PDB file of N, CA and C in Angstrom:
ATOM      1  N   UNK A   1      -0.272  12.846  38.840  1.00  0.00           N
ATOM      2  CA  UNK A   1      -0.355  12.702  37.396  1.00  0.00           C
ATOM      3  C   UNK A   1      -0.631  14.056  36.751  1.00  0.00           C
ATOM      4  N   UNK A   2      -0.058  14.245  35.594  1.00  0.00           N
ATOM      5  CA  UNK A   2      -0.285  15.473  34.828  1.00  0.00           C
ATOM      6  C   UNK A   2      -1.523  15.301  33.964  1.00  0.00           C
ATOM      7  N   UNK A   3      -2.312  16.354  33.869  1.00  0.00           N
ATOM      8  CA  UNK A   3      -3.415  16.284  32.925  1.00  0.00           C
ATOM      9  C   UNK A   3      -2.899  16.716  31.553  1.00  0.00           C
ATOM     10  N   UNK A   4      -3.753  16.627  30.553  1.00  0.00           N
ATOM     11  CA  UNK A   4      -3.352  16.890  29.173  1.00  0.00           C
ATOM     12  C   UNK A   4      -2.802  18.295  28.985  1.00  0.00           C
ATOM     13  N   UNK A   5      -3.445  19.291  29.574  1.00  0.00           N
ATOM     14  CA  UNK A   5      -2.977  20.678  29.417  1.00  0.00           C
ATOM     15  C   UNK A   5      -1.571  20.847  29.980  1.00  0.00           C
ATOM     16  N   UNK A   6      -1.297  20.222  31.127  1.00  0.00           N
ATOM     17  CA  UNK A   6       0.044  20.301  31.708  1.00  0.00           C
ATOM     18  C   UNK A   6       1.071  19.646  30.795  1.00  0.00           C
ATOM     19  N   UNK A   7       0.712  18.499  30.227  1.00  0.00           N
ATOM     20  CA  UNK A   7       1.622  17.808  29.313  1.00  0.00           C
ATOM     21  C   UNK A   7       1.914  18.664  28.085  1.00  0.00           C
ATOM     22  N   UNK A   8       0.863  19.248  27.513  1.00  0.00           N
ATOM     23  CA  UNK A   8       1.048  20.056  26.305  1.00  0.00           C
ATOM     24  C   UNK A   8       1.860  21.312  26.591  1.00  0.00           C
ATOM     25  N   UNK A   9       1.738  21.863  27.797  1.00  0.00           N
ATOM     26  CA  UNK A   9       2.529  23.038  28.166  1.00  0.00           C
ATOM     27  C   UNK A   9       4.009  22.710  28.314  1.00  0.00           C
ATOM     28  N   UNK A  10       4.335  21.430  28.465  1.00  0.00           N
ATOM     29  CA  UNK A  10       5.734  21.018  28.566  1.00  0.00           C
ATOM     30  C   UNK A  10       6.431  21.023  27.209  1.00  0.00           C
ATOM     31  N   UNK A  11       5.667  21.062  26.125  1.00  0.00           N
ATOM     32  CA  UNK A  11       6.233  21.068  24.774  1.00  0.00           C
ATOM     33  C   UNK A  11       6.180  22.496  24.240  1.00  0.00           C
ATOM     34  N   UNK A  12       7.342  23.045  23.933  1.00  0.00           N
ATOM     35  CA  UNK A  12       7.429  24.420  23.449  1.00  0.00           C
ATOM     36  C   UNK A  12       7.343  24.452  21.919  1.00  0.00           C
ATOM     37  N   UNK A  13       6.232  24.952  21.406  1.00  0.00           N
ATOM     38  CA  UNK A  13       6.032  25.065  19.960  1.00  0.00           C
ATOM     39  C   UNK A  13       7.024  26.070  19.378  1.00  0.00           C
ATOM     40  N   UNK A  14       7.276  27.139  20.106  1.00  0.00           N
ATOM     41  CA  UNK A  14       8.215  28.165  19.630  1.00  0.00           C
ATOM     42  C   UNK A  14       9.630  27.601  19.494  1.00  0.00           C
ATOM     43  N   UNK A  15      10.063  26.787  20.455  1.00  0.00           N
ATOM     44  CA  UNK A  15      11.383  26.158  20.356  1.00  0.00           C
ATOM     45  C   UNK A  15      11.440  25.194  19.178  1.00  0.00           C
ATOM     46  N   UNK A  16      10.356  24.461  18.950  1.00  0.00           N
ATOM     47  CA  UNK A  16      10.310  23.554  17.796  1.00  0.00           C
ATOM     48  C   UNK A  16      10.463  24.348  16.501  1.00  0.00           C
ATOM     49  N   UNK A  17       9.754  25.462  16.409  1.00  0.00           N
ATOM     50  CA  UNK A  17       9.826  26.323  15.230  1.00  0.00           C
ATOM     51  C   UNK A  17      11.261  26.837  15.034  1.00  0.00           C
ATOM     52  N   UNK A  18      11.879  27.299  16.105  1.00  0.00           N
ATOM     53  CA  UNK A  18      13.249  27.814  16.015  1.00  0.00           C
ATOM     54  C   UNK A  18      14.235  26.733  15.596  1.00  0.00           C
ATOM     55  N   UNK A  19      14.048  25.520  16.090  1.00  0.00           N
ATOM     56  CA  UNK A  19      14.928  24.417  15.693  1.00  0.00           C
ATOM     57  C   UNK A  19      14.740  24.089  14.216  1.00  0.00           C
ATOM     58  N   UNK A  20      13.503  24.115  13.742  1.00  0.00           N
ATOM     59  CA  UNK A  20      13.239  23.848  12.320  1.00  0.00           C
ATOM     60  C   UNK A  20      13.863  24.929  11.446  1.00  0.00           C
ATOM     61  N   UNK A  21      13.771  26.179  11.869  1.00  0.00           N
ATOM     62  CA  UNK A  21      14.351  27.282  11.098  1.00  0.00           C
ATOM     63  C   UNK A  21      15.877  27.219  11.073  1.00  0.00           C
ATOM     64  N   UNK A  22      16.478  26.589  12.065  1.00  0.00           N
ATOM     65  CA  UNK A  22      17.935  26.500  12.143  1.00  0.00           C
ATOM     66  C   UNK A  22      18.515  25.429  11.221  1.00  0.00           C
ATOM     67  N   UNK A  23      17.686  24.555  10.682  1.00  0.00           N
ATOM     68  CA  UNK A  23      18.169  23.501   9.788  1.00  0.00           C
ATOM     69  C   UNK A  23      18.544  24.131   8.457  1.00  0.00           C
ATOM     70  N   UNK A  24      19.778  23.907   8.022  1.00  0.00           N
ATOM     71  CA  UNK A  24      20.310  24.586   6.839  1.00  0.00           C
ATOM     72  C   UNK A  24      20.437  23.699   5.604  1.00  0.00           C
ATOM     73  N   UNK A  25      19.997  22.441   5.678  1.00  0.00           N
ATOM     74  CA  UNK A  25      20.061  21.581   4.497  1.00  0.00           C
ATOM     75  C   UNK A  25      18.709  20.924   4.276  1.00  0.00           C
ATOM     76  N   UNK A  26      18.460  20.497   3.056  1.00  0.00           N
ATOM     77  CA  UNK A  26      17.201  19.800   2.757  1.00  0.00           C
ATOM     78  C   UNK A  26      17.120  18.554   3.632  1.00  0.00           C
ATOM     79  N   UNK A  27      16.019  18.400   4.319  1.00  0.00           N
ATOM     80  CA  UNK A  27      15.883  17.315   5.285  1.00  0.00           C
ATOM     81  C   UNK A  27      14.450  16.825   5.358  1.00  0.00           C
ATOM     82  N   UNK A  28      14.313  15.588   5.786  1.00  0.00           N
ATOM     83  CA  UNK A  28      13.016  15.032   6.154  1.00  0.00           C
ATOM     84  C   UNK A  28      13.154  14.629   7.615  1.00  0.00           C
ATOM     85  N   UNK A  29      12.353  15.255   8.464  1.00  0.00           N
ATOM     86  CA  UNK A  29      12.428  14.999   9.896  1.00  0.00           C
ATOM     87  C   UNK A  29      11.035  14.674  10.424  1.00  0.00           C
ATOM     88  N   UNK A  30      10.966  14.357  11.699  1.00  0.00           N
ATOM     89  CA  UNK A  30       9.698  14.102  12.373  1.00  0.00           C
ATOM     90  C   UNK A  30       9.512  15.141  13.474  1.00  0.00           C
ATOM     91  N   UNK A  31       8.288  15.309  13.925  1.00  0.00           N
ATOM     92  CA  UNK A  31       8.011  16.301  14.966  1.00  0.00           C
ATOM     93  C   UNK A  31       8.894  16.092  16.190  1.00  0.00           C
ATOM     94  N   UNK A  32       9.080  14.844  16.598  1.00  0.00           N
ATOM     95  CA  UNK A  32       9.879  14.620  17.803  1.00  0.00           C
ATOM     96  C   UNK A  32      11.363  14.903  17.595  1.00  0.00           C
ATOM     97  N   UNK A  33      11.812  15.044  16.342  1.00  0.00           N
ATOM     98  CA  UNK A  33      13.190  15.466  16.084  1.00  0.00           C
ATOM     99  C   UNK A  33      13.407  16.923  16.486  1.00  0.00           C
ATOM    100  N   UNK A  34      12.336  17.683  16.588  1.00  0.00           N
ATOM    101  CA  UNK A  34      12.421  19.098  16.950  1.00  0.00           C
ATOM    102  C   UNK A  34      12.249  19.325  18.450  1.00  0.00           C
ATOM    103  N   UNK A  35      12.203  18.238  19.214  1.00  0.00           N
ATOM    104  CA  UNK A  35      11.966  18.334  20.656  1.00  0.00           C
ATOM    105  C   UNK A  35      13.196  17.897  21.430  1.00  0.00           C
ATOM    106  N   UNK A  36      13.326  18.425  22.650  1.00  0.00           N
ATOM    107  CA  UNK A  36      14.384  17.929  23.525  1.00  0.00           C
ATOM    108  C   UNK A  36      13.906  16.608  24.143  1.00  0.00           C
ATOM    109  N   UNK A  37      14.764  15.971  24.920  1.00  0.00           N
ATOM    110  CA  UNK A  37      14.443  14.645  25.468  1.00  0.00           C
ATOM    111  C   UNK A  37      13.197  14.654  26.350  1.00  0.00           C
ATOM    112  N   UNK A  38      13.056  15.686  27.161  1.00  0.00           N
ATOM    113  CA  UNK A  38      11.901  15.775  28.061  1.00  0.00           C
ATOM    114  C   UNK A  38      10.609  15.938  27.254  1.00  0.00           C
ATOM    115  N   UNK A  39      10.642  16.819  26.249  1.00  0.00           N
ATOM    116  CA  UNK A  39       9.471  17.030  25.398  1.00  0.00           C
ATOM    117  C   UNK A  39       9.138  15.763  24.616  1.00  0.00           C
ATOM    118  N   UNK A  40      10.169  15.073  24.160  1.00  0.00           N
ATOM    119  CA  UNK A  40       9.964  13.839  23.394  1.00  0.00           C
ATOM    120  C   UNK A  40       9.278  12.770  24.253  1.00  0.00           C
ATOM    121  N   UNK A  41       9.668  12.680  25.515  1.00  0.00           N
ATOM    122  CA  UNK A  41       9.033  11.718  26.422  1.00  0.00           C
ATOM    123  C   UNK A  41       7.552  12.043  26.591  1.00  0.00           C
ATOM    124  N   UNK A  42       7.228  13.326  26.710  1.00  0.00           N
ATOM    125  CA  UNK A  42       5.824  13.742  26.821  1.00  0.00           C
ATOM    126  C   UNK A  42       5.085  13.425  25.525  1.00  0.00           C
ATOM    127  N   UNK A  43       5.695  13.712  24.379  1.00  0.00           N
ATOM    128  CA  UNK A  43       5.106  13.473  23.057  1.00  0.00           C
ATOM    129  C   UNK A  43       4.646  12.021  22.922  1.00  0.00           C
ATOM    130  N   UNK A  44       5.477  11.088  23.392  1.00  0.00           N
ATOM    131  CA  UNK A  44       5.158   9.667  23.242  1.00  0.00           C
ATOM    132  C   UNK A  44       4.049   9.191  24.181  1.00  0.00           C
ATOM    133  N   UNK A  45       3.645  10.021  25.141  1.00  0.00           N
ATOM    134  CA  UNK A  45       2.535   9.649  26.024  1.00  0.00           C
ATOM    135  C   UNK A  45       1.202  10.218  25.538  1.00  0.00           C
ATOM    136  N   UNK A  46       1.236  11.094  24.540  1.00  0.00           N
ATOM    137  CA  UNK A  46       0.015  11.735  24.050  1.00  0.00           C
ATOM    138  C   UNK A  46      -0.721  10.844  23.053  1.00  0.00           C
ATOM    139  N   UNK A  47      -2.036  10.980  23.010  1.00  0.00           N
ATOM    140  CA  UNK A  47      -2.831  10.278  21.999  1.00  0.00           C
ATOM    141  C   UNK A  47      -2.693  11.017  20.670  1.00  0.00           C
ATOM    142  N   UNK A  48      -3.153  10.412  19.592  1.00  0.00           N
ATOM    143  CA  UNK A  48      -3.083  11.056  18.271  1.00  0.00           C
ATOM    144  C   UNK A  48      -3.861  12.363  18.252  1.00  0.00           C
ATOM    145  N   UNK A  49      -4.993  12.395  18.913  1.00  0.00           N
ATOM    146  CA  UNK A  49      -5.796  13.620  18.967  1.00  0.00           C
ATOM    147  C   UNK A  49      -5.061  14.711  19.731  1.00  0.00           C
ATOM    148  N   UNK A  50      -4.468  14.357  20.857  1.00  0.00           N
ATOM    149  CA  UNK A  50      -3.718  15.333  21.644  1.00  0.00           C
ATOM    150  C   UNK A  50      -2.518  15.862  20.862  1.00  0.00           C
ATOM    151  N   UNK A  51      -1.838  14.966  20.147  1.00  0.00           N
ATOM    152  CA  UNK A  51      -0.703  15.392  19.319  1.00  0.00           C
ATOM    153  C   UNK A  51      -1.172  16.341  18.225  1.00  0.00           C
ATOM    154  N   UNK A  52      -2.267  15.971  17.568  1.00  0.00           N
ATOM    155  CA  UNK A  52      -2.770  16.765  16.451  1.00  0.00           C
ATOM    156  C   UNK A  52      -3.244  18.141  16.860  1.00  0.00           C
ATOM    157  N   UNK A  53      -4.075  18.200  17.887  1.00  0.00           N
ATOM    158  CA  UNK A  53      -4.654  19.480  18.299  1.00  0.00           C
ATOM    159  C   UNK A  53      -3.742  20.291  19.214  1.00  0.00           C
ATOM    160  N   UNK A  54      -2.899  19.615  19.971  1.00  0.00           N
ATOM    161  CA  UNK A  54      -2.076  20.314  20.946  1.00  0.00           C
ATOM    162  C   UNK A  54      -0.689  20.694  20.476  1.00  0.00           C
ATOM    163  N   UNK A  55      -0.160  19.984  19.469  1.00  0.00           N
ATOM    164  CA  UNK A  55       1.205  20.250  19.017  1.00  0.00           C
ATOM    165  C   UNK A  55       1.252  20.523  17.515  1.00  0.00           C
ATOM    166  N   UNK A  56       0.735  19.600  16.717  1.00  0.00           N
ATOM    167  CA  UNK A  56       0.867  19.714  15.262  1.00  0.00           C
ATOM    168  C   UNK A  56       0.121  20.930  14.721  1.00  0.00           C
ATOM    169  N   UNK A  57      -1.125  21.129  15.121  1.00  0.00           N
ATOM    170  CA  UNK A  57      -1.895  22.276  14.628  1.00  0.00           C
ATOM    171  C   UNK A  57      -1.252  23.610  15.021  1.00  0.00           C
ATOM    172  N   UNK A  58      -0.888  23.822  16.294  1.00  0.00           N
ATOM    173  CA  UNK A  58      -0.230  25.093  16.631  1.00  0.00           C
ATOM    174  C   UNK A  58       1.096  25.300  15.894  1.00  0.00           C
ATOM    175  N   UNK A  59       1.853  24.222  15.687  1.00  0.00           N
ATOM    176  CA  UNK A  59       3.114  24.321  14.943  1.00  0.00           C
ATOM    177  C   UNK A  59       2.841  24.741  13.499  1.00  0.00           C
ATOM    178  N   UNK A  60       1.858  24.109  12.861  1.00  0.00           N
ATOM    179  CA  UNK A  60       1.513  24.458  11.480  1.00  0.00           C
ATOM    180  C   UNK A  60       0.995  25.887  11.374  1.00  0.00           C
ATOM    181  N   UNK A  61       0.210  26.325  12.349  1.00  0.00           N
ATOM    182  CA  UNK A  61      -0.278  27.706  12.343  1.00  0.00           C
ATOM    183  C   UNK A  61       0.869  28.702  12.501  1.00  0.00           C
ATOM    184  N   UNK A  62       1.854  28.367  13.320  1.00  0.00           N
ATOM    185  CA  UNK A  62       3.013  29.243  13.483  1.00  0.00           C
ATOM    186  C   UNK A  62       3.795  29.346  12.174  1.00  0.00           C
ATOM    187  N   UNK A  63       3.924  28.236  11.467  1.00  0.00           N
ATOM    188  CA  UNK A  63       4.606  28.238  10.168  1.00  0.00           C
ATOM    189  C   UNK A  63       3.873  29.158   9.196  1.00  0.00           C
ATOM    190  N   UNK A  64       2.561  29.030   9.133  1.00  0.00           N
ATOM    191  CA  UNK A  64       1.766  29.846   8.207  1.00  0.00           C
ATOM    192  C   UNK A  64       1.803  31.326   8.589  1.00  0.00           C
ATOM    193  N   UNK A  65       1.679  31.627   9.875  1.00  0.00           N
ATOM    194  CA  UNK A  65       1.704  33.027  10.335  1.00  0.00           C
ATOM    195  C   UNK A  65       3.018  33.716  10.014  1.00  0.00           C
ATOM    196  N   UNK A  66       4.112  32.963  10.072  1.00  0.00           N
ATOM    197  CA  UNK A  66       5.434  33.539   9.822  1.00  0.00           C
ATOM    198  C   UNK A  66       5.845  33.471   8.355  1.00  0.00           C
ATOM    199  N   UNK A  67       4.974  32.948   7.503  1.00  0.00           N
ATOM    200  CA  UNK A  67       5.223  32.941   6.069  1.00  0.00           C
ATOM    201  C   UNK A  67       6.331  32.017   5.609  1.00  0.00           C
ATOM    202  N   UNK A  68       6.593  30.967   6.355  1.00  0.00           N
ATOM    203  CA  UNK A  68       7.638  30.019   5.953  1.00  0.00           C
ATOM    204  C   UNK A  68       7.041  28.665   5.572  1.00  0.00           C
ATOM    205  N   UNK A  69       5.784  28.680   5.124  1.00  0.00           N
ATOM    206  CA  UNK A  69       5.096  27.431   4.805  1.00  0.00           C
ATOM    207  C   UNK A  69       5.624  26.774   3.533  1.00  0.00           C
ATOM    208  N   UNK A  70       6.507  27.410   2.803  1.00  0.00           N
ATOM    209  CA  UNK A  70       7.164  26.753   1.670  1.00  0.00           C
ATOM    210  C   UNK A  70       8.566  26.292   2.049  1.00  0.00           C
ATOM    211  N   UNK A  71       9.074  26.775   3.166  1.00  0.00           N
ATOM    212  CA  UNK A  71      10.389  26.372   3.660  1.00  0.00           C
ATOM    213  C   UNK A  71      10.258  25.162   4.586  1.00  0.00           C
ATOM    214  N   UNK A  72       9.265  25.187   5.455  1.00  0.00           N
ATOM    215  CA  UNK A  72       8.978  24.091   6.381  1.00  0.00           C
ATOM    216  C   UNK A  72       7.612  23.544   5.985  1.00  0.00           C
ATOM    217  N   UNK A  73       7.601  22.316   5.459  1.00  0.00           N
ATOM    218  CA  UNK A  73       6.373  21.768   4.880  1.00  0.00           C
ATOM    219  C   UNK A  73       5.985  20.473   5.597  1.00  0.00           C
ATOM    220  N   UNK A  74       4.973  20.513   6.465  1.00  0.00           N
ATOM    221  CA  UNK A  74       4.485  19.283   7.092  1.00  0.00           C
ATOM    222  C   UNK A  74       3.779  18.400   6.059  1.00  0.00           C
ATOM    223  N   UNK A  75       3.896  17.102   6.226  1.00  0.00           N
ATOM    224  CA  UNK A  75       3.217  16.169   5.330  1.00  0.00           C
ATOM    225  C   UNK A  75       1.706  16.351   5.440  1.00  0.00           C
ATOM    226  N   UNK A  76       1.031  16.221   4.311  1.00  0.00           N
ATOM    227  CA  UNK A  76      -0.427  16.360   4.316  1.00  0.00           C
ATOM    228  C   UNK A  76      -1.138  15.022   4.449  1.00  0.00           C
ATOM    229  N   UNK A  77      -0.377  13.931   4.474  1.00  0.00           N
ATOM    230  CA  UNK A  77      -0.981  12.609   4.602  1.00  0.00           C
ATOM    231  C   UNK A  77      -1.430  12.361   6.040  1.00  0.00           C
ATOM    232  N   UNK A  78      -2.536  11.694   6.182  1.00  0.00           N
ATOM    233  CA  UNK A  78      -3.071  11.361   7.492  1.00  0.00           C
ATOM    234  C   UNK A  78      -2.111  10.428   8.229  1.00  0.00           C
ATOM    235  N   UNK A  79      -1.883  10.682   9.496  1.00  0.00           N
ATOM    236  CA  UNK A  79      -1.006   9.884  10.358  1.00  0.00           C
ATOM    237  C   UNK A  79       0.448   9.865   9.887  1.00  0.00           C
ATOM    238  N   UNK A  80       0.872  10.891   9.173  1.00  0.00           N
ATOM    239  CA  UNK A  80       2.252  11.002   8.708  1.00  0.00           C
ATOM    240  C   UNK A  80       2.889  12.176   9.443  1.00  0.00           C
ATOM    241  N   UNK A  81       3.832  11.902  10.309  1.00  0.00           N
ATOM    242  CA  UNK A  81       4.448  12.930  11.148  1.00  0.00           C
ATOM    243  C   UNK A  81       5.709  13.534  10.538  1.00  0.00           C
ATOM    244  N   UNK A  82       5.896  13.364   9.224  1.00  0.00           N
ATOM    245  CA  UNK A  82       7.097  13.910   8.591  1.00  0.00           C
ATOM    246  C   UNK A  82       6.963  15.410   8.335  1.00  0.00           C
ATOM    247  N   UNK A  83       8.110  16.072   8.376  1.00  0.00           N
ATOM    248  CA  UNK A  83       8.213  17.489   8.035  1.00  0.00           C
ATOM    249  C   UNK A  83       9.345  17.601   7.024  1.00  0.00           C
ATOM    250  N   UNK A  84       9.091  18.280   5.936  1.00  0.00           N
ATOM    251  CA  UNK A  84      10.091  18.465   4.895  1.00  0.00           C
ATOM    252  C   UNK A  84      10.677  19.870   5.035  1.00  0.00           C
ATOM    253  N   UNK A  85      12.000  19.962   5.043  1.00  0.00           N
ATOM    254  CA  UNK A  85      12.685  21.242   5.191  1.00  0.00           C
ATOM    255  C   UNK A  85      13.373  21.576   3.871  1.00  0.00           C
ATOM    256  N   UNK A  86      13.055  22.734   3.325  1.00  0.00           N
ATOM    257  CA  UNK A  86      13.674  23.250   2.102  1.00  0.00           C
ATOM    258  C   UNK A  86      14.265  24.620   2.433  1.00  0.00           C
ATOM    259  N   UNK A  87      15.532  24.691   2.841  1.00  0.00           N
ATOM    260  CA  UNK A  87      16.091  25.948   3.358  1.00  0.00           C
ATOM    261  C   UNK A  87      16.225  27.072   2.332  1.00  0.00           C
ATOM    262  N   UNK A  88      16.230  26.774   1.059  1.00  0.00           N
ATOM    263  CA  UNK A  88      16.444  27.808   0.044  1.00  0.00           C
ATOM    264  C   UNK A  88      15.162  28.444  -0.448  1.00  0.00           C
ATOM    265  N   UNK A  89      14.050  28.182   0.177  1.00  0.00           N
ATOM    266  CA  UNK A  89      12.774  28.748  -0.281  1.00  0.00           C
ATOM    267  C   UNK A  89      12.349  29.878   0.596  1.00  0.00           C
TER     268      UNK A  89
END
């Protein structure tokens, strides 16, 4: 069995970021839309806390560090996994 750290290492935050940046039209997507099939399978085995601290928080920090927080906008609602993409910002 994989422990939590091994599972989280299977999900590439950088690849998710690159996939989000590649979207060229206004879109509403979910975090698992930015993952490949293997990553998506791991995502569905994680608890909400593991998803939040292990995937969502690092993804949001990467967005902020790269200054695209107005182009890629995660929902601020609790338990809402939507991401809004505005390519012209």
